[in-house]
Amino acid sequence: MAVDHTVTFANDTGKTVWIGSDVNSDGSRPLAVLPTLEPGQSGTVTIPETAEPGHWRGTFFARQCAQCGGFTVTFHSAV
């Protein structure tokens, strides 16, 4: 029987971090809401293994904004 799990992210970088995810092409569904963490914050994501299709397989990544002061916003992988 499938059980939902949680993953906790902690931001120790001193800058804002955006959590992202990607899913495998096995029917896993994208996660709808992922946290943005200010310095010192943590956030928890629930892995929806009890929802259709009955599993979730994917990866998480963290990004920081490299140029947030103007019109151009570029991100780079932080972790």
PDB file of N, CA and C in Angstrom:
ATOM      1  N   MET A   1       0.842  -1.184   0.000  1.00  0.00           N
ATOM      2  CA  MET A   1       0.000   0.000   0.000  1.00  0.00           C
ATOM      3  C   MET A   1       0.885   1.245   0.000  1.00  0.00           C
ATOM      4  N   ALA A   2       0.545   2.176  -0.853  1.00  0.00           N
ATOM      5  CA  ALA A   2       1.316   3.417  -0.960  1.00  0.00           C
ATOM      6  C   ALA A   2       1.021   4.341   0.221  1.00  0.00           C
ATOM      7  N   VAL A   3       2.031   5.082   0.638  1.00  0.00           N
ATOM      8  CA  VAL A   3       1.916   6.043   1.726  1.00  0.00           C
ATOM      9  C   VAL A   3       2.576   7.338   1.280  1.00  0.00           C
ATOM     10  N   ASP A   4       1.902   8.476   1.522  1.00  0.00           N
ATOM     11  CA  ASP A   4       2.524   9.764   1.209  1.00  0.00           C
ATOM     12  C   ASP A   4       3.731   9.977   2.114  1.00  0.00           C
ATOM     13  N   HIS A   5       4.778  10.567   1.557  1.00  0.00           N
ATOM     14  CA  HIS A   5       5.981  10.902   2.315  1.00  0.00           C
ATOM     15  C   HIS A   5       6.195  12.407   2.233  1.00  0.00           C
ATOM     16  N   THR A   6       7.029  12.934   3.110  1.00  0.00           N
ATOM     17  CA  THR A   6       7.359  14.351   3.068  1.00  0.00           C
ATOM     18  C   THR A   6       8.863  14.531   2.940  1.00  0.00           C
ATOM     19  N   VAL A   7       9.236  15.636   2.311  1.00  0.00           N
ATOM     20  CA  VAL A   7      10.628  16.037   2.183  1.00  0.00           C
ATOM     21  C   VAL A   7      10.712  17.451   2.736  1.00  0.00           C
ATOM     22  N   THR A   8      11.689  17.703   3.601  1.00  0.00           N
ATOM     23  CA  THR A   8      11.871  19.033   4.167  1.00  0.00           C
ATOM     24  C   THR A   8      13.137  19.657   3.597  1.00  0.00           C
ATOM     25  N   PHE A   9      12.997  20.895   3.132  1.00  0.00           N
ATOM     26  CA  PHE A   9      14.115  21.659   2.584  1.00  0.00           C
ATOM     27  C   PHE A   9      14.446  22.779   3.556  1.00  0.00           C
ATOM     28  N   ALA A  10      15.729  23.052   3.749  1.00  0.00           N
ATOM     29  CA  ALA A  10      16.178  24.140   4.616  1.00  0.00           C
ATOM     30  C   ALA A  10      17.098  25.051   3.823  1.00  0.00           C
ATOM     31  N   ASN A  11      16.886  26.360   3.951  1.00  0.00           N
ATOM     32  CA  ASN A  11      17.697  27.335   3.236  1.00  0.00           C
ATOM     33  C   ASN A  11      18.735  27.919   4.183  1.00  0.00           C
ATOM     34  N   ASP A  12      19.975  27.503   4.002  1.00  0.00           N
ATOM     35  CA  ASP A  12      21.091  28.025   4.785  1.00  0.00           C
ATOM     36  C   ASP A  12      22.034  28.860   3.921  1.00  0.00           C
ATOM     37  N   THR A  13      21.540  29.371   2.777  1.00  0.00           N
ATOM     38  CA  THR A  13      22.411  30.041   1.821  1.00  0.00           C
ATOM     39  C   THR A  13      22.585  31.533   2.062  1.00  0.00           C
ATOM     40  N   GLY A  14      21.669  32.168   2.790  1.00  0.00           N
ATOM     41  CA  GLY A  14      21.732  33.612   2.949  1.00  0.00           C
ATOM     42  C   GLY A  14      21.018  34.362   1.845  1.00  0.00           C
ATOM     43  N   LYS A  15      20.444  33.647   0.873  1.00  0.00           N
ATOM     44  CA  LYS A  15      19.690  34.250  -0.232  1.00  0.00           C
ATOM     45  C   LYS A  15      18.392  33.469  -0.411  1.00  0.00           C
ATOM     46  N   THR A  16      17.421  34.078  -1.110  1.00  0.00           N
ATOM     47  CA  THR A  16      16.168  33.390  -1.400  1.00  0.00           C
ATOM     48  C   THR A  16      16.426  32.202  -2.315  1.00  0.00           C
ATOM     49  N   VAL A  17      15.746  31.093  -2.021  1.00  0.00           N
ATOM     50  CA  VAL A  17      15.884  29.872  -2.816  1.00  0.00           C
ATOM     51  C   VAL A  17      14.501  29.436  -3.287  1.00  0.00           C
ATOM     52  N   TRP A  18      14.372  29.133  -4.573  1.00  0.00           N
ATOM     53  CA  TRP A  18      13.154  28.598  -5.148  1.00  0.00           C
ATOM     54  C   TRP A  18      13.348  27.101  -5.344  1.00  0.00           C
ATOM     55  N   ILE A  19      12.452  26.292  -4.797  1.00  0.00           N
ATOM     56  CA  ILE A  19      12.512  24.843  -4.951  1.00  0.00           C
ATOM     57  C   ILE A  19      11.744  24.478  -6.220  1.00  0.00           C
ATOM     58  N   GLY A  20      12.337  23.617  -7.027  1.00  0.00           N
ATOM     59  CA  GLY A  20      11.698  23.136  -8.244  1.00  0.00           C
ATOM     60  C   GLY A  20      11.732  21.621  -8.278  1.00  0.00           C
ATOM     61  N   SER A  21      10.988  21.055  -9.210  1.00  0.00           N
ATOM     62  CA  SER A  21      11.011  19.601  -9.367  1.00  0.00           C
ATOM     63  C   SER A  21      10.749  19.234 -10.819  1.00  0.00           C
ATOM     64  N   ASP A  22      11.133  18.038 -11.142  1.00  0.00           N
ATOM     65  CA  ASP A  22      10.888  17.461 -12.455  1.00  0.00           C
ATOM     66  C   ASP A  22      10.435  16.030 -12.210  1.00  0.00           C
ATOM     67  N   VAL A  23       9.593  15.495 -13.089  1.00  0.00           N
ATOM     68  CA  VAL A  23       9.093  14.136 -12.899  1.00  0.00           C
ATOM     69  C   VAL A  23       9.576  13.218 -14.015  1.00  0.00           C
ATOM     70  N   ASN A  24       9.636  11.943 -13.695  1.00  0.00           N
ATOM     71  CA  ASN A  24       9.979  10.926 -14.691  1.00  0.00           C
ATOM     72  C   ASN A  24       8.819  10.764 -15.661  1.00  0.00           C
ATOM     73  N   SER A  25       9.078  10.181 -16.799  1.00  0.00           N
ATOM     74  CA  SER A  25       8.039   9.987 -17.819  1.00  0.00           C
ATOM     75  C   SER A  25       7.324   8.650 -17.624  1.00  0.00           C
ATOM     76  N   ASP A  26       7.048   8.293 -16.374  1.00  0.00           N
ATOM     77  CA  ASP A  26       6.391   7.024 -16.071  1.00  0.00           C
ATOM     78  C   ASP A  26       4.966   7.223 -15.579  1.00  0.00           C
ATOM     79  N   GLY A  27       4.394   8.405 -15.824  1.00  0.00           N
ATOM     80  CA  GLY A  27       3.055   8.711 -15.361  1.00  0.00           C
ATOM     81  C   GLY A  27       3.031   9.549 -14.098  1.00  0.00           C
ATOM     82  N   SER A  28       4.199   9.777 -13.474  1.00  0.00           N
ATOM     83  CA  SER A  28       4.242  10.635 -12.289  1.00  0.00           C
ATOM     84  C   SER A  28       3.749  12.024 -12.662  1.00  0.00           C
ATOM     85  N   ARG A  29       2.999  12.619 -11.757  1.00  0.00           N
ATOM     86  CA  ARG A  29       2.414  13.929 -12.034  1.00  0.00           C
ATOM     87  C   ARG A  29       3.250  15.037 -11.396  1.00  0.00           C
ATOM     88  N   PRO A  30       3.367  16.182 -12.087  1.00  0.00           N
ATOM     89  CA  PRO A  30       4.134  17.306 -11.533  1.00  0.00           C
ATOM     90  C   PRO A  30       3.530  17.781 -10.206  1.00  0.00           C
ATOM     91  N   LEU A  31       4.377  18.264  -9.333  1.00  0.00           N
ATOM     92  CA  LEU A  31       3.925  18.826  -8.068  1.00  0.00           C
ATOM     93  C   LEU A  31       3.419  20.242  -8.325  1.00  0.00           C
ATOM     94  N   ALA A  32       2.266  20.577  -7.779  1.00  0.00           N
ATOM     95  CA  ALA A  32       1.623  21.851  -8.080  1.00  0.00           C
ATOM     96  C   ALA A  32       2.216  23.022  -7.292  1.00  0.00           C
ATOM     97  N   VAL A  33       2.560  22.811  -6.034  1.00  0.00           N
ATOM     98  CA  VAL A  33       3.013  23.913  -5.192  1.00  0.00           C
ATOM     99  C   VAL A  33       4.333  23.527  -4.533  1.00  0.00           C
ATOM    100  N   LEU A  34       5.352  24.345  -4.783  1.00  0.00           N
ATOM    101  CA  LEU A  34       6.663  24.128  -4.173  1.00  0.00           C
ATOM    102  C   LEU A  34       7.083  25.415  -3.477  1.00  0.00           C
ATOM    103  N   PRO A  35       7.815  25.298  -2.377  1.00  0.00           N
ATOM    104  CA  PRO A  35       8.109  26.484  -1.576  1.00  0.00           C
ATOM    105  C   PRO A  35       9.186  27.390  -2.162  1.00  0.00           C
ATOM    106  N   THR A  36       9.082  28.654  -1.813  1.00  0.00           N
ATOM    107  CA  THR A  36      10.144  29.639  -1.966  1.00  0.00           C
ATOM    108  C   THR A  36      10.629  29.919  -0.559  1.00  0.00           C
ATOM    109  N   LEU A  37      11.920  29.746  -0.332  1.00  0.00           N
ATOM    110  CA  LEU A  37      12.461  29.848   1.018  1.00  0.00           C
ATOM    111  C   LEU A  37      13.366  31.058   1.170  1.00  0.00           C
ATOM    112  N   GLU A  38      13.021  31.912   2.118  1.00  0.00           N
ATOM    113  CA  GLU A  38      13.882  33.036   2.468  1.00  0.00           C
ATOM    114  C   GLU A  38      15.031  32.493   3.321  1.00  0.00           C
ATOM    115  N   PRO A  39      16.108  33.256   3.478  1.00  0.00           N
ATOM    116  CA  PRO A  39      17.226  32.788   4.295  1.00  0.00           C
ATOM    117  C   PRO A  39      16.760  32.339   5.690  1.00  0.00           C
ATOM    118  N   GLY A  40      17.196  31.162   6.100  1.00  0.00           N
ATOM    119  CA  GLY A  40      16.856  30.622   7.404  1.00  0.00           C
ATOM    120  C   GLY A  40      15.543  29.876   7.480  1.00  0.00           C
ATOM    121  N   GLN A  41      14.742  29.934   6.429  1.00  0.00           N
ATOM    122  CA  GLN A  41      13.456  29.237   6.431  1.00  0.00           C
ATOM    123  C   GLN A  41      13.609  27.789   5.998  1.00  0.00           C
ATOM    124  N   SER A  42      12.602  26.996   6.345  1.00  0.00           N
ATOM    125  CA  SER A  42      12.502  25.635   5.837  1.00  0.00           C
ATOM    126  C   SER A  42      11.086  25.443   5.332  1.00  0.00           C
ATOM    127  N   GLY A  43      10.907  24.448   4.485  1.00  0.00           N
ATOM    128  CA  GLY A  43       9.599  24.145   3.931  1.00  0.00           C
ATOM    129  C   GLY A  43       9.478  22.665   3.661  1.00  0.00           C
ATOM    130  N   THR A  44       8.266  22.164   3.752  1.00  0.00           N
ATOM    131  CA  THR A  44       8.006  20.743   3.569  1.00  0.00           C
ATOM    132  C   THR A  44       7.136  20.524   2.348  1.00  0.00           C
ATOM    133  N   VAL A  45       7.461  19.489   1.574  1.00  0.00           N
ATOM    134  CA  VAL A  45       6.692  19.097   0.403  1.00  0.00           C
ATOM    135  C   VAL A  45       6.180  17.686   0.642  1.00  0.00           C
ATOM    136  N   THR A  46       4.895  17.458   0.372  1.00  0.00           N
ATOM    137  CA  THR A  46       4.322  16.125   0.481  1.00  0.00           C
ATOM    138  C   THR A  46       4.404  15.440  -0.872  1.00  0.00           C
ATOM    139  N   ILE A  47       4.957  14.242  -0.888  1.00  0.00           N
ATOM    140  CA  ILE A  47       5.070  13.446  -2.111  1.00  0.00           C
ATOM    141  C   ILE A  47       3.767  12.663  -2.257  1.00  0.00           C
ATOM    142  N   PRO A  48       2.999  12.909  -3.332  1.00  0.00           N
ATOM    143  CA  PRO A  48       1.650  12.345  -3.458  1.00  0.00           C
ATOM    144  C   PRO A  48       1.630  10.898  -3.965  1.00  0.00           C
ATOM    145  N   GLU A  49       2.140   9.984  -3.178  1.00  0.00           N
ATOM    146  CA  GLU A  49       2.214   8.595  -3.624  1.00  0.00           C
ATOM    147  C   GLU A  49       0.881   7.856  -3.506  1.00  0.00           C
ATOM    148  N   THR A  50      -0.095   8.432  -2.793  1.00  0.00           N
ATOM    149  CA  THR A  50      -1.400   7.781  -2.697  1.00  0.00           C
ATOM    150  C   THR A  50      -2.357   8.269  -3.773  1.00  0.00           C
ATOM    151  N   ALA A  51      -1.995   9.326  -4.507  1.00  0.00           N
ATOM    152  CA  ALA A  51      -2.817   9.834  -5.607  1.00  0.00           C
ATOM    153  C   ALA A  51      -2.471   9.081  -6.888  1.00  0.00           C
ATOM    154  N   GLU A  52      -3.350   9.184  -7.868  1.00  0.00           N
ATOM    155  CA  GLU A  52      -3.061   8.558  -9.168  1.00  0.00           C
ATOM    156  C   GLU A  52      -1.753   9.104  -9.704  1.00  0.00           C
ATOM    157  N   PRO A  53      -0.857   8.329 -10.220  1.00  0.00           N
ATOM    158  CA  PRO A  53      -0.956   6.918 -10.592  1.00  0.00           C
ATOM    159  C   PRO A  53      -0.518   5.944  -9.498  1.00  0.00           C
ATOM    160  N   GLY A  54      -0.426   6.385  -8.251  1.00  0.00           N
ATOM    161  CA  GLY A  54      -0.055   5.503  -7.160  1.00  0.00           C
ATOM    162  C   GLY A  54       1.434   5.517  -6.834  1.00  0.00           C
ATOM    163  N   HIS A  55       2.155   6.453  -7.448  1.00  0.00           N
ATOM    164  CA  HIS A  55       3.585   6.620  -7.167  1.00  0.00           C
ATOM    165  C   HIS A  55       4.003   8.014  -7.626  1.00  0.00           C
ATOM    166  N   TRP A  56       5.161   8.456  -7.173  1.00  0.00           N
ATOM    167  CA  TRP A  56       5.766   9.695  -7.669  1.00  0.00           C
ATOM    168  C   TRP A  56       7.255   9.432  -7.767  1.00  0.00           C
ATOM    169  N   ARG A  57       7.781   9.666  -8.950  1.00  0.00           N
ATOM    170  CA  ARG A  57       9.222   9.520  -9.173  1.00  0.00           C
ATOM    171  C   ARG A  57       9.713  10.782  -9.862  1.00  0.00           C
ATOM    172  N   GLY A  58      10.677  11.422  -9.256  1.00  0.00           N
ATOM    173  CA  GLY A  58      11.191  12.653  -9.826  1.00  0.00           C
ATOM    174  C   GLY A  58      12.393  13.153  -9.054  1.00  0.00           C
ATOM    175  N   THR A  59      12.767  14.377  -9.355  1.00  0.00           N
ATOM    176  CA  THR A  59      13.919  15.001  -8.707  1.00  0.00           C
ATOM    177  C   THR A  59      13.537  16.389  -8.213  1.00  0.00           C
ATOM    178  N   PHE A  60      14.270  16.853  -7.223  1.00  0.00           N
ATOM    179  CA  PHE A  60      14.125  18.219  -6.721  1.00  0.00           C
ATOM    180  C   PHE A  60      15.405  18.975  -7.017  1.00  0.00           C
ATOM    181  N   PHE A  61      15.281  20.293  -7.147  1.00  0.00           N
ATOM    182  CA  PHE A  61      16.450  21.150  -7.311  1.00  0.00           C
ATOM    183  C   PHE A  61      16.144  22.484  -6.659  1.00  0.00           C
ATOM    184  N   ALA A  62      17.178  23.223  -6.336  1.00  0.00           N
ATOM    185  CA  ALA A  62      17.021  24.554  -5.753  1.00  0.00           C
ATOM    186  C   ALA A  62      17.682  25.564  -6.675  1.00  0.00           C
ATOM    187  N   ARG A  63      17.048  26.736  -6.776  1.00  0.00           N
ATOM    188  CA  ARG A  63      17.592  27.791  -7.625  1.00  0.00           C
ATOM    189  C   ARG A  63      17.645  29.100  -6.861  1.00  0.00           C
ATOM    190  N   GLN A  64      18.631  29.919  -7.257  1.00  0.00           N
ATOM    191  CA  GLN A  64      18.737  31.275  -6.738  1.00  0.00           C
ATOM    192  C   GLN A  64      18.705  32.231  -7.913  1.00  0.00           C
ATOM    193  N   CYS A  65      18.158  33.413  -7.688  1.00  0.00           N
ATOM    194  CA  CYS A  65      18.088  34.423  -8.732  1.00  0.00           C
ATOM    195  C   CYS A  65      19.439  35.111  -8.856  1.00  0.00           C
ATOM    196  N   ALA A  66      19.980  35.134 -10.063  1.00  0.00           N
ATOM    197  CA  ALA A  66      21.293  35.744 -10.285  1.00  0.00           C
ATOM    198  C   ALA A  66      21.194  37.241 -10.558  1.00  0.00           C
ATOM    199  N   GLN A  67      20.107  37.684 -11.222  1.00  0.00           N
ATOM    200  CA  GLN A  67      19.944  39.104 -11.562  1.00  0.00           C
ATOM    201  C   GLN A  67      18.507  39.500 -11.291  1.00  0.00           C
ATOM    202  N   CYS A  68      18.190  39.829 -10.072  1.00  0.00           N
ATOM    203  CA  CYS A  68      16.802  40.123  -9.714  1.00  0.00           C
ATOM    204  C   CYS A  68      16.472  41.610  -9.727  1.00  0.00           C
ATOM    205  N   GLY A  69      17.436  42.468  -9.986  1.00  0.00           N
ATOM    206  CA  GLY A  69      17.199  43.903  -9.896  1.00  0.00           C
ATOM    207  C   GLY A  69      16.598  44.536 -11.131  1.00  0.00           C
ATOM    208  N   GLY A  70      16.621  43.881 -12.282  1.00  0.00           N
ATOM    209  CA  GLY A  70      16.120  44.495 -13.505  1.00  0.00           C
ATOM    210  C   GLY A  70      15.014  43.667 -14.121  1.00  0.00           C
ATOM    211  N   PHE A  71      14.820  43.888 -15.418  1.00  0.00           N
ATOM    212  CA  PHE A  71      13.768  43.191 -16.139  1.00  0.00           C
ATOM    213  C   PHE A  71      14.154  41.746 -16.440  1.00  0.00           C
ATOM    214  N   THR A  72      15.438  41.487 -16.540  1.00  0.00           N
ATOM    215  CA  THR A  72      15.899  40.142 -16.854  1.00  0.00           C
ATOM    216  C   THR A  72      16.129  39.373 -15.563  1.00  0.00           C
ATOM    217  N   VAL A  73      15.497  38.226 -15.457  1.00  0.00           N
ATOM    218  CA  VAL A  73      15.683  37.366 -14.296  1.00  0.00           C
ATOM    219  C   VAL A  73      16.265  36.050 -14.784  1.00  0.00           C
ATOM    220  N   THR A  74      17.442  35.739 -14.310  1.00  0.00           N
ATOM    221  CA  THR A  74      18.064  34.462 -14.668  1.00  0.00           C
ATOM    222  C   THR A  74      18.289  33.685 -13.389  1.00  0.00           C
ATOM    223  N   PHE A  75      18.122  32.397 -13.484  1.00  0.00           N
ATOM    224  CA  PHE A  75      18.318  31.529 -12.348  1.00  0.00           C
ATOM    225  C   PHE A  75      19.510  30.630 -12.592  1.00  0.00           C
ATOM    226  N   HIS A  76      20.154  30.235 -11.516  1.00  0.00           N
ATOM    227  CA  HIS A  76      21.202  29.220 -11.610  1.00  0.00           C
ATOM    228  C   HIS A  76      20.968  28.207 -10.500  1.00  0.00           C
ATOM    229  N   SER A  77      21.370  26.989 -10.752  1.00  0.00           N
ATOM    230  CA  SER A  77      21.200  25.950  -9.751  1.00  0.00           C
ATOM    231  C   SER A  77      22.060  26.278  -8.541  1.00  0.00           C
ATOM    232  N   ALA A  78      21.451  26.210  -7.376  1.00  0.00           N
ATOM    233  CA  ALA A  78      22.154  26.561  -6.147  1.00  0.00           C
ATOM    234  C   ALA A  78      22.666  25.330  -5.427  1.00  0.00           C
ATOM    235  N   VAL A  79      21.982  24.221  -5.588  1.00  0.00           N
ATOM    236  CA  VAL A  79      22.342  23.027  -4.844  1.00  0.00           C
ATOM    237  C   VAL A  79      22.376  21.859  -5.792  1.00  0.00           C
TER     238      VAL A  79
END
